Each structure stands twice: as C-alpha cells, then as structure tokens.
Amino acid sequence: RIDSASTNNADFTPAAPEVEDNDQLMCSICNMAKSLDCFSKNQKSKGQKRKCNYCIRSRQLEIRQRKREAEEKLAVKNKTMEDLEERTCLKCKIVKKKEGFDIHERKNGD
C-alpha cells in the first residue's frame, strides 16, 4: 500500500546540482563541478546559470567560426552576383550588361 503523504508532489523540491565541496561550482553547460578559479566573478554570481571559462571560450570560438563561414558564403554570393552584372550574349557573342537582356533571357541565362 502506498502512503498518500509520500506521493504528495506539492512538497517536492528538485535537488540542487551536486557540488563536491565549497571550493567547487557546477557549470550549466558541461555539467561538471569545477574549482572557483574556473569561473569569472560575473559567472560566479549567476547561480545555476553559471558557465565556466572553458565553455564560454568554446562558445565564442564557435560563434566566430560560424560568422567567418557566413562571411565567406556571402563573399562567394556577392562575387556570383558581380559575375551576373555582365554576360555574353549567346546569339551575338557580345558582352552586355544584364539590363541589355529581356526578362526571359535573364531568367534562362541566355
């Protein structure tokens, strides 16, 4: 038989993250207990949302890499757009500005 007092969820409070001792804090990203010197002063004050220096640096490097990749894609796209500013007419073999082609020729690349 189950005691109704033991199944009452109103009194349930989630357990705090396990911290080895007073000299360690839990990182919310890697979920590891780390020494106090692994956290900045700001991060130490953030409670359960604190992040260790390693996780912050890793995230910053990841963001920089994504930004660099996006910039490279944009540069390729811009170069492609510049290449489309002028093109060779397939009929007369003369290089013309894209405005020199009618709308159907621009869409088809003719």
PDB file of N, CA and C in Angstrom:
ATOM      1  N   ARG A   1       0.830  -1.186   0.000  1.00  0.00           N
ATOM      2  CA  ARG A   1       0.000   0.000   0.000  1.00  0.00           C
ATOM      3  C   ARG A   1       0.876   1.251   0.000  1.00  0.00           C
ATOM      4  N   ILE A   2       0.521   2.241  -0.826  1.00  0.00           N
ATOM      5  CA  ILE A   2       1.294   3.476  -0.952  1.00  0.00           C
ATOM      6  C   ILE A   2       0.712   4.522  -0.026  1.00  0.00           C
ATOM      7  N   ASP A   3       1.568   5.155   0.760  1.00  0.00           N
ATOM      8  CA  ASP A   3       1.150   6.200   1.682  1.00  0.00           C
ATOM      9  C   ASP A   3       0.895   7.476   0.883  1.00  0.00           C
ATOM     10  N   SER A   4      -0.260   8.093   1.049  1.00  0.00           N
ATOM     11  CA  SER A   4      -0.603   9.296   0.279  1.00  0.00           C
ATOM     12  C   SER A   4       0.312  10.463   0.601  1.00  0.00           C
ATOM     13  N   ALA A   5       0.865  10.514   1.787  1.00  0.00           N
ATOM     14  CA  ALA A   5       1.776  11.606   2.148  1.00  0.00           C
ATOM     15  C   ALA A   5       3.082  11.516   1.378  1.00  0.00           C
ATOM     16  N   SER A   6       3.517  10.300   1.047  1.00  0.00           N
ATOM     17  CA  SER A   6       4.780  10.155   0.329  1.00  0.00           C
ATOM     18  C   SER A   6       4.651  10.471  -1.155  1.00  0.00           C
ATOM     19  N   THR A   7       3.430  10.492  -1.702  1.00  0.00           N
ATOM     20  CA  THR A   7       3.234  10.780  -3.122  1.00  0.00           C
ATOM     21  C   THR A   7       2.802  12.210  -3.369  1.00  0.00           C
ATOM     22  N   ASN A   8       2.719  13.022  -2.342  1.00  0.00           N
ATOM     23  CA  ASN A   8       2.320  14.409  -2.488  1.00  0.00           C
ATOM     24  C   ASN A   8       3.443  15.193  -3.176  1.00  0.00           C
ATOM     25  N   ASN A   9       3.189  15.666  -4.417  1.00  0.00           N
ATOM     26  CA  ASN A   9       4.209  16.371  -5.194  1.00  0.00           C
ATOM     27  C   ASN A   9       4.343  17.834  -4.800  1.00  0.00           C
ATOM     28  N   ALA A  10       3.430  18.353  -3.986  1.00  0.00           N
ATOM     29  CA  ALA A  10       3.495  19.757  -3.599  1.00  0.00           C
ATOM     30  C   ALA A  10       4.735  20.037  -2.743  1.00  0.00           C
ATOM     31  N   ASP A  11       5.193  19.032  -2.016  1.00  0.00           N
ATOM     32  CA  ASP A  11       6.362  19.209  -1.159  1.00  0.00           C
ATOM     33  C   ASP A  11       7.668  18.880  -1.861  1.00  0.00           C
ATOM     34  N   PHE A  12       7.595  18.436  -3.096  1.00  0.00           N
ATOM     35  CA  PHE A  12       8.792  18.012  -3.811  1.00  0.00           C
ATOM     36  C   PHE A  12       9.571  19.226  -4.290  1.00  0.00           C
ATOM     37  N   THR A  13      10.839  19.256  -3.971  1.00  0.00           N
ATOM     38  CA  THR A  13      11.723  20.301  -4.494  1.00  0.00           C
ATOM     39  C   THR A  13      12.865  19.603  -5.217  1.00  0.00           C
ATOM     40  N   PRO A  14      13.187  20.051  -6.450  1.00  0.00           N
ATOM     41  CA  PRO A  14      14.259  19.382  -7.183  1.00  0.00           C
ATOM     42  C   PRO A  14      15.591  19.524  -6.453  1.00  0.00           C
ATOM     43  N   ALA A  15      16.370  18.509  -6.568  1.00  0.00           N
ATOM     44  CA  ALA A  15      17.682  18.518  -5.908  1.00  0.00           C
ATOM     45  C   ALA A  15      18.587  19.541  -6.581  1.00  0.00           C
ATOM     46  N   ALA A  16      19.374  20.203  -5.783  1.00  0.00           N
ATOM     47  CA  ALA A  16      20.355  21.158  -6.313  1.00  0.00           C
ATOM     48  C   ALA A  16      21.465  20.376  -6.993  1.00  0.00           C
ATOM     49  N   PRO A  17      22.149  20.976  -7.973  1.00  0.00           N
ATOM     50  CA  PRO A  17      23.250  20.262  -8.614  1.00  0.00           C
ATOM     51  C   PRO A  17      24.283  19.848  -7.574  1.00  0.00           C
ATOM     52  N   GLU A  18      24.808  18.691  -7.780  1.00  0.00           N
ATOM     53  CA  GLU A  18      25.784  18.194  -6.821  1.00  0.00           C
ATOM     54  C   GLU A  18      27.076  18.999  -6.924  1.00  0.00           C
ATOM     55  N   VAL A  19      27.482  19.539  -5.812  1.00  0.00           N
ATOM     56  CA  VAL A  19      28.735  20.284  -5.728  1.00  0.00           C
ATOM     57  C   VAL A  19      29.615  19.528  -4.753  1.00  0.00           C
ATOM     58  N   GLU A  20      30.808  19.228  -5.190  1.00  0.00           N
ATOM     59  CA  GLU A  20      31.703  18.393  -4.387  1.00  0.00           C
ATOM     60  C   GLU A  20      31.961  19.006  -3.007  1.00  0.00           C
ATOM     61  N   ASP A  21      32.296  20.297  -2.971  1.00  0.00           N
ATOM     62  CA  ASP A  21      32.533  20.976  -1.700  1.00  0.00           C
ATOM     63  C   ASP A  21      32.417  22.479  -1.940  1.00  0.00           C
ATOM     64  N   ASN A  22      32.766  23.264  -0.946  1.00  0.00           N
ATOM     65  CA  ASN A  22      32.627  24.719  -1.067  1.00  0.00           C
ATOM     66  C   ASN A  22      33.622  25.339  -2.027  1.00  0.00           C
ATOM     67  N   ASP A  23      34.618  24.596  -2.467  1.00  0.00           N
ATOM     68  CA  ASP A  23      35.633  25.126  -3.376  1.00  0.00           C
ATOM     69  C   ASP A  23      35.312  24.835  -4.836  1.00  0.00           C
ATOM     70  N   GLN A  24      34.120  24.309  -5.123  1.00  0.00           N
ATOM     71  CA  GLN A  24      33.754  23.975  -6.495  1.00  0.00           C
ATOM     72  C   GLN A  24      32.348  24.460  -6.812  1.00  0.00           C
ATOM     73  N   LEU A  25      32.136  24.785  -8.091  1.00  0.00           N
ATOM     74  CA  LEU A  25      30.827  25.195  -8.593  1.00  0.00           C
ATOM     75  C   LEU A  25      30.485  24.348  -9.809  1.00  0.00           C
ATOM     76  N   MET A  26      29.214  24.257 -10.111  1.00  0.00           N
ATOM     77  CA  MET A  26      28.748  23.471 -11.243  1.00  0.00           C
ATOM     78  C   MET A  26      28.569  24.364 -12.464  1.00  0.00           C
ATOM     79  N   CYS A  27      29.092  23.941 -13.607  1.00  0.00           N
ATOM     80  CA  CYS A  27      28.913  24.662 -14.876  1.00  0.00           C
ATOM     81  C   CYS A  27      27.600  24.201 -15.509  1.00  0.00           C
ATOM     82  N   SER A  28      26.784  25.144 -15.970  1.00  0.00           N
ATOM     83  CA  SER A  28      25.486  24.793 -16.550  1.00  0.00           C
ATOM     84  C   SER A  28      25.608  24.239 -17.968  1.00  0.00           C
ATOM     85  N   ILE A  29      26.750  24.415 -18.613  1.00  0.00           N
ATOM     86  CA  ILE A  29      26.940  23.917 -19.976  1.00  0.00           C
ATOM     87  C   ILE A  29      27.472  22.485 -19.965  1.00  0.00           C
ATOM     88  N   CYS A  30      28.608  22.284 -19.309  1.00  0.00           N
ATOM     89  CA  CYS A  30      29.246  20.958 -19.315  1.00  0.00           C
ATOM     90  C   CYS A  30      28.807  20.087 -18.134  1.00  0.00           C
ATOM     91  N   ASN A  31      28.042  20.663 -17.209  1.00  0.00           N
ATOM     92  CA  ASN A  31      27.535  19.938 -16.037  1.00  0.00           C
ATOM     93  C   ASN A  31      28.636  19.272 -15.225  1.00  0.00           C
ATOM     94  N   MET A  32      29.754  19.962 -15.098  1.00  0.00           N
ATOM     95  CA  MET A  32      30.862  19.448 -14.300  1.00  0.00           C
ATOM     96  C   MET A  32      31.132  20.390 -13.144  1.00  0.00           C
ATOM     97  N   ALA A  33      31.466  19.813 -11.999  1.00  0.00           N
ATOM     98  CA  ALA A  33      31.884  20.627 -10.857  1.00  0.00           C
ATOM     99  C   ALA A  33      33.335  21.031 -11.086  1.00  0.00           C
ATOM    100  N   LYS A  34      33.585  22.341 -11.023  1.00  0.00           N
ATOM    101  CA  LYS A  34      34.932  22.850 -11.283  1.00  0.00           C
ATOM    102  C   LYS A  34      35.329  23.805 -10.172  1.00  0.00           C
ATOM    103  N   SER A  35      36.624  24.027 -10.049  1.00  0.00           N
ATOM    104  CA  SER A  35      37.116  24.905  -8.984  1.00  0.00           C
ATOM    105  C   SER A  35      36.677  26.340  -9.247  1.00  0.00           C
ATOM    106  N   LEU A  36      36.671  27.138  -8.206  1.00  0.00           N
ATOM    107  CA  LEU A  36      36.204  28.521  -8.292  1.00  0.00           C
ATOM    108  C   LEU A  36      36.995  29.348  -9.297  1.00  0.00           C
ATOM    109  N   ASP A  37      38.279  29.048  -9.465  1.00  0.00           N
ATOM    110  CA  ASP A  37      39.086  29.841 -10.395  1.00  0.00           C
ATOM    111  C   ASP A  37      38.755  29.547 -11.861  1.00  0.00           C
ATOM    112  N   CYS A  38      37.871  28.588 -12.124  1.00  0.00           N
ATOM    113  CA  CYS A  38      37.419  28.303 -13.490  1.00  0.00           C
ATOM    114  C   CYS A  38      36.230  29.185 -13.889  1.00  0.00           C
ATOM    115  N   PHE A  39      35.786  30.051 -12.985  1.00  0.00           N
ATOM    116  CA  PHE A  39      34.630  30.904 -13.239  1.00  0.00           C
ATOM    117  C   PHE A  39      35.014  32.363 -13.033  1.00  0.00           C
ATOM    118  N   SER A  40      34.489  33.235 -13.896  1.00  0.00           N
ATOM    119  CA  SER A  40      34.718  34.669 -13.712  1.00  0.00           C
ATOM    120  C   SER A  40      33.863  35.162 -12.548  1.00  0.00           C
ATOM    121  N   LYS A  41      34.147  36.356 -12.105  1.00  0.00           N
ATOM    122  CA  LYS A  41      33.402  36.946 -10.988  1.00  0.00           C
ATOM    123  C   LYS A  41      31.917  37.059 -11.354  1.00  0.00           C
ATOM    124  N   ASN A  42      31.638  37.502 -12.574  1.00  0.00           N
ATOM    125  CA  ASN A  42      30.242  37.609 -13.034  1.00  0.00           C
ATOM    126  C   ASN A  42      29.556  36.257 -13.050  1.00  0.00           C
ATOM    127  N   GLN A  43      30.236  35.250 -13.566  1.00  0.00           N
ATOM    128  CA  GLN A  43      29.628  33.925 -13.678  1.00  0.00           C
ATOM    129  C   GLN A  43      29.372  33.308 -12.306  1.00  0.00           C
ATOM    130  N   LYS A  44      30.221  33.584 -11.355  1.00  0.00           N
ATOM    131  CA  LYS A  44      30.024  33.043 -10.005  1.00  0.00           C
ATOM    132  C   LYS A  44      28.717  33.522  -9.398  1.00  0.00           C
ATOM    133  N   SER A  45      28.280  34.708  -9.784  1.00  0.00           N
ATOM    134  CA  SER A  45      27.071  35.283  -9.203  1.00  0.00           C
ATOM    135  C   SER A  45      25.793  34.876  -9.941  1.00  0.00           C
ATOM    136  N   LYS A  46      25.882  34.085 -10.984  1.00  0.00           N
ATOM    137  CA  LYS A  46      24.714  33.746 -11.803  1.00  0.00           C
ATOM    138  C   LYS A  46      23.957  32.508 -11.325  1.00  0.00           C
ATOM    139  N   GLY A  47      24.356  31.951 -10.222  1.00  0.00           N
ATOM    140  CA  GLY A  47      23.626  30.805  -9.686  1.00  0.00           C
ATOM    141  C   GLY A  47      23.729  29.595 -10.585  1.00  0.00           C
ATOM    142  N   GLN A  48      22.601  28.948 -10.843  1.00  0.00           N
ATOM    143  CA  GLN A  48      22.605  27.718 -11.625  1.00  0.00           C
ATOM    144  C   GLN A  48      22.816  27.965 -13.122  1.00  0.00           C
ATOM    145  N   LYS A  49      22.841  29.204 -13.546  1.00  0.00           N
ATOM    146  CA  LYS A  49      23.077  29.520 -14.964  1.00  0.00           C
ATOM    147  C   LYS A  49      24.537  29.845 -15.243  1.00  0.00           C
ATOM    148  N   ARG A  50      25.417  29.626 -14.277  1.00  0.00           N
ATOM    149  CA  ARG A  50      26.832  29.973 -14.452  1.00  0.00           C
ATOM    150  C   ARG A  50      27.497  29.055 -15.478  1.00  0.00           C
ATOM    151  N   LYS A  51      28.477  29.631 -16.162  1.00  0.00           N
ATOM    152  CA  LYS A  51      29.249  28.891 -17.173  1.00  0.00           C
ATOM    153  C   LYS A  51      30.732  29.039 -16.849  1.00  0.00           C
ATOM    154  N   CYS A  52      31.480  27.958 -17.007  1.00  0.00           N
ATOM    155  CA  CYS A  52      32.912  28.022 -16.737  1.00  0.00           C
ATOM    156  C   CYS A  52      33.626  28.755 -17.878  1.00  0.00           C
ATOM    157  N   ASN A  53      34.826  29.221 -17.602  1.00  0.00           N
ATOM    158  CA  ASN A  53      35.604  29.968 -18.603  1.00  0.00           C
ATOM    159  C   ASN A  53      35.824  29.153 -19.873  1.00  0.00           C
ATOM    160  N   TYR A  54      36.081  27.854 -19.718  1.00  0.00           N
ATOM    161  CA  TYR A  54      36.331  26.998 -20.886  1.00  0.00           C
ATOM    162  C   TYR A  54      35.095  26.959 -21.797  1.00  0.00           C
ATOM    163  N   CYS A  55      33.919  26.764 -21.218  1.00  0.00           N
ATOM    164  CA  CYS A  55      32.697  26.693 -22.027  1.00  0.00           C
ATOM    165  C   CYS A  55      32.403  28.027 -22.704  1.00  0.00           C
ATOM    166  N   ILE A  56      32.679  29.127 -22.015  1.00  0.00           N
ATOM    167  CA  ILE A  56      32.462  30.450 -22.617  1.00  0.00           C
ATOM    168  C   ILE A  56      33.407  30.651 -23.796  1.00  0.00           C
ATOM    169  N   ARG A  57      34.679  30.318 -23.620  1.00  0.00           N
ATOM    170  CA  ARG A  57      35.643  30.464 -24.727  1.00  0.00           C
ATOM    171  C   ARG A  57      35.276  29.561 -25.897  1.00  0.00           C
ATOM    172  N   SER A  58      34.866  28.339 -25.599  1.00  0.00           N
ATOM    173  CA  SER A  58      34.488  27.406 -26.667  1.00  0.00           C
ATOM    174  C   SER A  58      33.323  27.963 -27.462  1.00  0.00           C
ATOM    175  N   ARG A  59      32.349  28.529 -26.766  1.00  0.00           N
ATOM    176  CA  ARG A  59      31.181  29.099 -27.426  1.00  0.00           C
ATOM    177  C   ARG A  59      31.589  30.313 -28.271  1.00  0.00           C
ATOM    178  N   GLN A  60      32.477  31.151 -27.763  1.00  0.00           N
ATOM    179  CA  GLN A  60      32.936  32.315 -28.518  1.00  0.00           C
ATOM    180  C   GLN A  60      33.659  31.883 -29.788  1.00  0.00           C
ATOM    181  N   LEU A  61      34.503  30.846 -29.691  1.00  0.00           N
ATOM    182  CA  LEU A  61      35.214  30.350 -30.879  1.00  0.00           C
ATOM    183  C   LEU A  61      34.231  29.790 -31.893  1.00  0.00           C
ATOM    184  N   GLU A  62      33.225  29.092 -31.404  1.00  0.00           N
ATOM    185  CA  GLU A  62      32.201  28.523 -32.293  1.00  0.00           C
ATOM    186  C   GLU A  62      31.451  29.641 -33.019  1.00  0.00           C
ATOM    187  N   ILE A  63      31.105  30.695 -32.299  1.00  0.00           N
ATOM    188  CA  ILE A  63      30.400  31.829 -32.908  1.00  0.00           C
ATOM    189  C   ILE A  63      31.280  32.514 -33.950  1.00  0.00           C
ATOM    190  N   ARG A  64      32.566  32.710 -33.628  1.00  0.00           N
ATOM    191  CA  ARG A  64      33.487  33.320 -34.600  1.00  0.00           C
ATOM    192  C   ARG A  64      33.600  32.471 -35.865  1.00  0.00           C
ATOM    193  N   GLN A  65      33.686  31.149 -35.690  1.00  0.00           N
ATOM    194  CA  GLN A  65      33.794  30.248 -36.839  1.00  0.00           C
ATOM    195  C   GLN A  65      32.541  30.334 -37.709  1.00  0.00           C
ATOM    196  N   ARG A  66      31.365  30.332 -37.087  1.00  0.00           N
ATOM    197  CA  ARG A  66      30.117  30.442 -37.846  1.00  0.00           C
ATOM    198  C   ARG A  66      30.049  31.775 -38.587  1.00  0.00           C
ATOM    199  N   LYS A  67      30.488  32.847 -37.913  1.00  0.00           N
ATOM    200  CA  LYS A  67      30.481  34.167 -38.547  1.00  0.00           C
ATOM    201  C   LYS A  67      31.423  34.182 -39.745  1.00  0.00           C
ATOM    202  N   ARG A  68      32.616  33.603 -39.574  1.00  0.00           N
ATOM    203  CA  ARG A  68      33.589  33.543 -40.666  1.00  0.00           C
ATOM    204  C   ARG A  68      33.015  32.757 -41.861  1.00  0.00           C
ATOM    205  N   GLU A  69      32.367  31.626 -41.578  1.00  0.00           N
ATOM    206  CA  GLU A  69      31.779  30.824 -42.645  1.00  0.00           C
ATOM    207  C   GLU A  69      30.666  31.586 -43.360  1.00  0.00           C
ATOM    208  N   ALA A  70      29.849  32.323 -42.592  1.00  0.00           N
ATOM    209  CA  ALA A  70      28.774  33.109 -43.195  1.00  0.00           C
ATOM    210  C   ALA A  70      29.342  34.223 -44.071  1.00  0.00           C
ATOM    211  N   GLU A  71      30.416  34.860 -43.610  1.00  0.00           N
ATOM    212  CA  GLU A  71      31.049  35.908 -44.405  1.00  0.00           C
ATOM    213  C   GLU A  71      31.633  35.349 -45.692  1.00  0.00           C
ATOM    214  N   GLU A  72      32.228  34.155 -45.621  1.00  0.00           N
ATOM    215  CA  GLU A  72      32.777  33.528 -46.825  1.00  0.00           C
ATOM    216  C   GLU A  72      31.671  33.191 -47.817  1.00  0.00           C
ATOM    217  N   LYS A  73      30.547  32.671 -47.318  1.00  0.00           N
ATOM    218  CA  LYS A  73      29.416  32.365 -48.200  1.00  0.00           C
ATOM    219  C   LYS A  73      28.882  33.630 -48.849  1.00  0.00           C
ATOM    220  N   LEU A  74      28.817  34.710 -48.058  1.00  0.00           N
ATOM    221  CA  LEU A  74      28.337  35.978 -48.594  1.00  0.00           C
ATOM    222  C   LEU A  74      29.283  36.515 -49.657  1.00  0.00           C
ATOM    223  N   ALA A  75      30.591  36.378 -49.440  1.00  0.00           N
ATOM    224  CA  ALA A  75      31.570  36.839 -50.425  1.00  0.00           C
ATOM    225  C   ALA A  75      31.422  36.072 -51.737  1.00  0.00           C
ATOM    226  N   VAL A  76      31.206  34.767 -51.641  1.00  0.00           N
ATOM    227  CA  VAL A  76      31.003  33.952 -52.847  1.00  0.00           C
ATOM    228  C   VAL A  76      29.729  34.390 -53.559  1.00  0.00           C
ATOM    229  N   LYS A  77      28.669  34.626 -52.783  1.00  0.00           N
ATOM    230  CA  LYS A  77      27.406  35.058 -53.380  1.00  0.00           C
ATOM    231  C   LYS A  77      27.564  36.419 -54.045  1.00  0.00           C
ATOM    232  N   ASN A  78      28.274  37.353 -53.370  1.00  0.00           N
ATOM    233  CA  ASN A  78      28.495  38.678 -53.961  1.00  0.00           C
ATOM    234  C   ASN A  78      29.307  38.583 -55.243  1.00  0.00           C
ATOM    235  N   LYS A  79      30.317  37.708 -55.260  1.00  0.00           N
ATOM    236  CA  LYS A  79      31.124  37.517 -56.461  1.00  0.00           C
ATOM    237  C   LYS A  79      30.259  36.970 -57.594  1.00  0.00           C
ATOM    238  N   THR A  80      29.393  36.038 -57.252  1.00  0.00           N
ATOM    239  CA  THR A  80      28.482  35.472 -58.253  1.00  0.00           C
ATOM    240  C   THR A  80      27.563  36.559 -58.798  1.00  0.00           C
ATOM    241  N   MET A  81      27.082  37.422 -57.906  1.00  0.00           N
ATOM    242  CA  MET A  81      26.198  38.499 -58.352  1.00  0.00           C
ATOM    243  C   MET A  81      26.953  39.476 -59.254  1.00  0.00           C
ATOM    244  N   GLU A  82      28.204  39.755 -58.921  1.00  0.00           N
ATOM    245  CA  GLU A  82      29.010  40.637 -59.773  1.00  0.00           C
ATOM    246  C   GLU A  82      29.210  40.007 -61.144  1.00  0.00           C
ATOM    247  N   ASP A  83      29.425  38.696 -61.154  1.00  0.00           N
ATOM    248  CA  ASP A  83      29.608  38.000 -62.426  1.00  0.00           C
ATOM    249  C   ASP A  83      28.349  38.082 -63.282  1.00  0.00           C
ATOM    250  N   LEU A  84      27.206  38.207 -62.634  1.00  0.00           N
ATOM    251  CA  LEU A  84      25.955  38.267 -63.375  1.00  0.00           C
ATOM    252  C   LEU A  84      25.638  39.667 -63.890  1.00  0.00           C
ATOM    253  N   GLU A  85      26.392  40.667 -63.436  1.00  0.00           N
ATOM    254  CA  GLU A  85      26.152  42.031 -63.894  1.00  0.00           C
ATOM    255  C   GLU A  85      26.368  42.141 -65.409  1.00  0.00           C
ATOM    256  N   GLU A  86      27.347  41.415 -65.905  1.00  0.00           N
ATOM    257  CA  GLU A  86      27.604  41.380 -67.344  1.00  0.00           C
ATOM    258  C   GLU A  86      27.687  39.929 -67.778  1.00  0.00           C
ATOM    259  N   ARG A  87      27.178  39.683 -68.977  1.00  0.00           N
ATOM    260  CA  ARG A  87      27.307  38.326 -69.508  1.00  0.00           C
ATOM    261  C   ARG A  87      27.370  38.378 -71.034  1.00  0.00           C
ATOM    262  N   THR A  88      27.824  37.294 -71.569  1.00  0.00           N
ATOM    263  CA  THR A  88      27.968  37.209 -73.025  1.00  0.00           C
ATOM    264  C   THR A  88      26.665  36.722 -73.636  1.00  0.00           C
ATOM    265  N   CYS A  89      26.222  37.430 -74.633  1.00  0.00           N
ATOM    266  CA  CYS A  89      25.016  37.033 -75.349  1.00  0.00           C
ATOM    267  C   CYS A  89      25.345  35.785 -76.161  1.00  0.00           C
ATOM    268  N   LEU A  90      24.550  34.757 -76.024  1.00  0.00           N
ATOM    269  CA  LEU A  90      24.811  33.515 -76.753  1.00  0.00           C
ATOM    270  C   LEU A  90      24.538  33.648 -78.245  1.00  0.00           C
ATOM    271  N   LYS A  91      23.705  34.622 -78.636  1.00  0.00           N
ATOM    272  CA  LYS A  91      23.372  34.786 -80.045  1.00  0.00           C
ATOM    273  C   LYS A  91      24.448  35.579 -80.790  1.00  0.00           C
ATOM    274  N   CYS A  92      24.844  36.749 -80.210  1.00  0.00           N
ATOM    275  CA  CYS A  92      25.783  37.617 -80.925  1.00  0.00           C
ATOM    276  C   CYS A  92      27.196  37.586 -80.342  1.00  0.00           C
ATOM    277  N   LYS A  93      27.392  36.883 -79.219  1.00  0.00           N
ATOM    278  CA  LYS A  93      28.702  36.732 -78.556  1.00  0.00           C
ATOM    279  C   LYS A  93      29.288  38.052 -78.064  1.00  0.00           C
ATOM    280  N   ILE A  94      28.441  39.047 -77.828  1.00  0.00           N
ATOM    281  CA  ILE A  94      28.883  40.334 -77.301  1.00  0.00           C
ATOM    282  C   ILE A  94      28.584  40.377 -75.800  1.00  0.00           C
ATOM    283  N   VAL A  95      29.538  40.911 -75.030  1.00  0.00           N
ATOM    284  CA  VAL A  95      29.327  41.066 -73.590  1.00  0.00           C
ATOM    285  C   VAL A  95      28.427  42.273 -73.374  1.00  0.00           C
ATOM    286  N   LYS A  96      27.325  42.048 -72.651  1.00  0.00           N
ATOM    287  CA  LYS A  96      26.361  43.111 -72.396  1.00  0.00           C
ATOM    288  C   LYS A  96      26.046  43.142 -70.905  1.00  0.00           C
ATOM    289  N   LYS A  97      25.583  44.299 -70.472  1.00  0.00           N
ATOM    290  CA  LYS A  97      25.070  44.392 -69.109  1.00  0.00           C
ATOM    291  C   LYS A  97      23.780  43.595 -69.052  1.00  0.00           C
ATOM    292  N   LYS A  98      23.459  43.100 -67.842  1.00  0.00           N
ATOM    293  CA  LYS A  98      22.285  42.238 -67.744  1.00  0.00           C
ATOM    294  C   LYS A  98      21.001  42.974 -68.112  1.00  0.00           C
ATOM    295  N   GLU A  99      21.007  44.318 -67.980  1.00  0.00           N
ATOM    296  CA  GLU A  99      19.830  45.080 -68.365  1.00  0.00           C
ATOM    297  C   GLU A  99      19.601  45.024 -69.881  1.00  0.00           C
ATOM    298  N   GLY A 100      20.636  44.661 -70.642  1.00  0.00           N
ATOM    299  CA  GLY A 100      20.520  44.564 -72.089  1.00  0.00           C
ATOM    300  C   GLY A 100      19.764  43.335 -72.546  1.00  0.00           C
ATOM    301  N   PHE A 101      19.510  42.434 -71.639  1.00  0.00           N
ATOM    302  CA  PHE A 101      18.746  41.239 -71.952  1.00  0.00           C
ATOM    303  C   PHE A 101      17.314  41.442 -71.493  1.00  0.00           C
ATOM    304  N   ASP A 102      16.352  40.853 -72.226  1.00  0.00           N
ATOM    305  CA  ASP A 102      14.987  40.962 -71.727  1.00  0.00           C
ATOM    306  C   ASP A 102      14.802  39.996 -70.547  1.00  0.00           C
ATOM    307  N   ILE A 103      13.700  40.114 -69.863  1.00  0.00           N
ATOM    308  CA  ILE A 103      13.486  39.385 -68.614  1.00  0.00           C
ATOM    309  C   ILE A 103      13.564  37.872 -68.803  1.00  0.00           C
ATOM    310  N   HIS A 104      13.103  37.351 -69.932  1.00  0.00           N
ATOM    311  CA  HIS A 104      13.132  35.902 -70.173  1.00  0.00           C
ATOM    312  C   HIS A 104      14.559  35.417 -70.402  1.00  0.00           C
ATOM    313  N   GLU A 105      15.360  36.221 -71.067  1.00  0.00           N
ATOM    314  CA  GLU A 105      16.759  35.851 -71.275  1.00  0.00           C
ATOM    315  C   GLU A 105      17.529  35.875 -69.966  1.00  0.00           C
ATOM    316  N   ARG A 106      17.188  36.800 -69.065  1.00  0.00           N
ATOM    317  CA  ARG A 106      17.858  36.865 -67.762  1.00  0.00           C
ATOM    318  C   ARG A 106      17.552  35.640 -66.929  1.00  0.00           C
ATOM    319  N   LYS A 107      16.301  35.202 -66.944  1.00  0.00           N
ATOM    320  CA  LYS A 107      15.903  34.040 -66.148  1.00  0.00           C
ATOM    321  C   LYS A 107      16.554  32.772 -66.670  1.00  0.00           C
ATOM    322  N   ASN A 108      16.615  32.625 -67.964  1.00  0.00           N
ATOM    323  CA  ASN A 108      17.159  31.402 -68.563  1.00  0.00           C
ATOM    324  C   ASN A 108      18.672  31.435 -68.700  1.00  0.00           C
ATOM    325  N   GLY A 109      19.263  32.581 -68.524  1.00  0.00           N
ATOM    326  CA  GLY A 109      20.707  32.700 -68.664  1.00  0.00           C
ATOM    327  C   GLY A 109      21.161  32.770 -70.105  1.00  0.00           C
ATOM    328  N   ASP A 110      20.201  32.951 -71.026  1.00  0.00           N
ATOM    329  CA  ASP A 110      20.535  33.054 -72.465  1.00  0.00           C
ATOM    330  C   ASP A 110      20.963  34.457 -72.804  1.00  0.00           C
TER     331      ASP A 110
END
